[in-house]
């Protein structure tokens, strides 16, 4: 049985790399040598030209949200637009809910 490959992302280069998750060594971007962020095995990278999608992705990854498969399929809800991110961050500030929890909330009350 082969190991599942995991996506790692370089936000400044807008690049994604699939690598084996074995080992705890730091991974670096082959283009700019900056550290890569672990995105998860269910991650699908947006097009390099789509700046809004990469900004949204940047907020998610920096908040500690990744894209790992769950037992029932995909990683669950993730905001896809900057509007959804802003809406959930405002909700988090207003209610005191942690930002990471508000970002993965499918619907706001």
Protein backbone atom coordinates (compact mmCIF):
# COMPACT_ATOMS: atom_id res chain seq x y z
CA UNK A 1 0.00 0.00 0.00
CA UNK A 2 1.47 3.34 -1.02
CA UNK A 3 1.53 6.40 1.19
CA UNK A 4 -0.89 9.20 0.41
CA UNK A 5 0.80 12.24 -1.04
CA UNK A 6 0.13 15.62 0.54
CA UNK A 7 0.09 19.04 -1.07
CA UNK A 8 2.50 21.73 0.08
CA UNK A 9 2.05 25.34 -1.01
CA UNK A 10 4.32 28.32 -1.58
CA UNK A 11 2.08 31.38 -1.29
CA UNK A 12 4.54 33.97 -2.74
CA UNK A 13 5.18 31.79 -5.84
CA UNK A 14 1.54 30.63 -6.06
CA UNK A 15 2.75 27.07 -6.51
CA UNK A 16 1.64 23.71 -5.14
CA UNK A 17 3.73 20.54 -4.84
CA UNK A 18 2.61 16.99 -3.99
CA UNK A 19 5.08 15.23 -1.73
CA UNK A 20 5.19 12.26 0.57
CA UNK A 21 4.38 13.33 4.15
CA UNK A 22 7.05 11.01 5.62
CA UNK A 23 9.42 12.74 7.98
CA UNK A 24 9.12 15.96 9.92
CA UNK A 25 11.77 17.91 8.01
CA UNK A 26 10.94 21.36 6.74
CA UNK A 27 10.13 21.54 3.06
CA UNK A 28 11.26 24.48 0.95
CA UNK A 29 10.04 25.89 -2.35
CA UNK A 30 12.24 24.90 -5.29
CA UNK A 31 11.68 28.35 -6.84
CA UNK A 32 12.32 30.75 -3.97
CA UNK A 33 13.62 28.51 -1.12
CA UNK A 34 10.99 29.78 1.34
CA UNK A 35 9.29 27.24 3.63
CA UNK A 36 6.24 25.47 2.17
CA UNK A 37 2.92 25.33 4.03
CA UNK A 38 1.18 21.97 4.34
CA UNK A 39 -2.19 22.20 2.58
CA UNK A 40 -3.42 18.60 2.85
CA UNK A 41 -4.20 15.61 0.69
CA UNK A 42 -7.55 16.94 -0.61
CA UNK A 43 -6.13 20.29 -1.75
CA UNK A 44 -6.72 21.55 -5.29
CA UNK A 45 -4.64 24.59 -6.20
CA UNK A 46 -6.27 27.55 -7.94
CA UNK A 47 -4.83 28.89 -11.19
CA UNK A 48 -1.70 30.97 -10.70
CA UNK A 49 -3.42 34.05 -12.23
CA UNK A 50 -6.38 33.92 -9.81
CA UNK A 51 -5.10 36.41 -7.22
CA UNK A 52 -8.36 36.49 -5.24
CA UNK A 53 -8.33 32.71 -4.79
CA UNK A 54 -4.70 32.79 -3.63
CA UNK A 55 -5.50 35.58 -1.15
CA UNK A 56 -8.39 33.49 0.19
CA UNK A 57 -6.11 30.47 0.40
CA UNK A 58 -3.49 32.54 2.21
CA UNK A 59 -5.99 33.50 4.93
CA UNK A 60 -7.10 29.89 5.35
CA UNK A 61 -3.61 28.37 5.55
CA UNK A 62 -2.31 31.10 7.88
CA UNK A 63 -5.31 30.46 10.17
CA UNK A 64 -4.27 26.81 10.40
CA UNK A 65 -7.03 25.41 8.18
CA UNK A 66 -5.98 22.64 5.85
CA UNK A 67 -7.60 20.44 3.23
CA UNK A 68 -7.35 16.88 4.56
CA UNK A 69 -9.84 14.20 3.61
CA UNK A 70 -12.34 13.20 6.27
CA UNK A 71 -13.90 9.79 6.74
CA UNK A 72 -16.89 10.78 4.59
CA UNK A 73 -15.15 12.37 1.64
CA UNK A 74 -13.59 15.80 1.25
CA UNK A 75 -12.30 18.29 3.79
CA UNK A 76 -15.66 19.94 4.42
CA UNK A 77 -16.68 23.54 3.79
CA UNK A 78 -13.97 26.08 2.94
CA UNK A 79 -14.69 29.67 1.81
CA UNK A 80 -13.91 30.20 -1.86
CA UNK A 81 -14.16 33.99 -2.15
CA UNK A 82 -12.76 36.97 -0.29
CA UNK A 83 -16.33 38.07 0.45
CA UNK A 84 -16.99 34.80 2.32
CA UNK A 85 -13.72 35.18 4.23
CA UNK A 86 -14.50 38.79 5.24
CA UNK A 87 -18.03 37.83 6.26
CA UNK A 88 -16.79 35.00 8.51
CA UNK A 89 -13.97 37.08 10.01
CA UNK A 90 -16.45 39.85 10.89
CA UNK A 91 -18.68 37.21 12.50
CA UNK A 92 -15.69 35.92 14.52
CA UNK A 93 -14.84 39.44 15.76
CA UNK A 94 -18.47 40.14 16.61
CA UNK A 95 -19.09 36.89 18.53
CA UNK A 96 -15.63 36.10 19.89
CA UNK A 97 -15.55 32.73 18.08
CA UNK A 98 -12.04 31.67 17.03
CA UNK A 99 -11.27 32.72 13.45
CA UNK A 100 -10.40 29.17 12.36
CA UNK A 101 -13.79 27.91 13.56
CA UNK A 102 -15.68 30.76 11.89
CA UNK A 103 -13.87 30.23 8.57
CA UNK A 104 -15.00 26.59 8.25
CA UNK A 105 -18.60 27.34 9.25
CA UNK A 106 -20.83 26.53 6.23
CA UNK A 107 -23.55 29.01 7.20
CA UNK A 108 -23.60 31.99 9.49
CA UNK A 109 -26.48 32.42 11.92
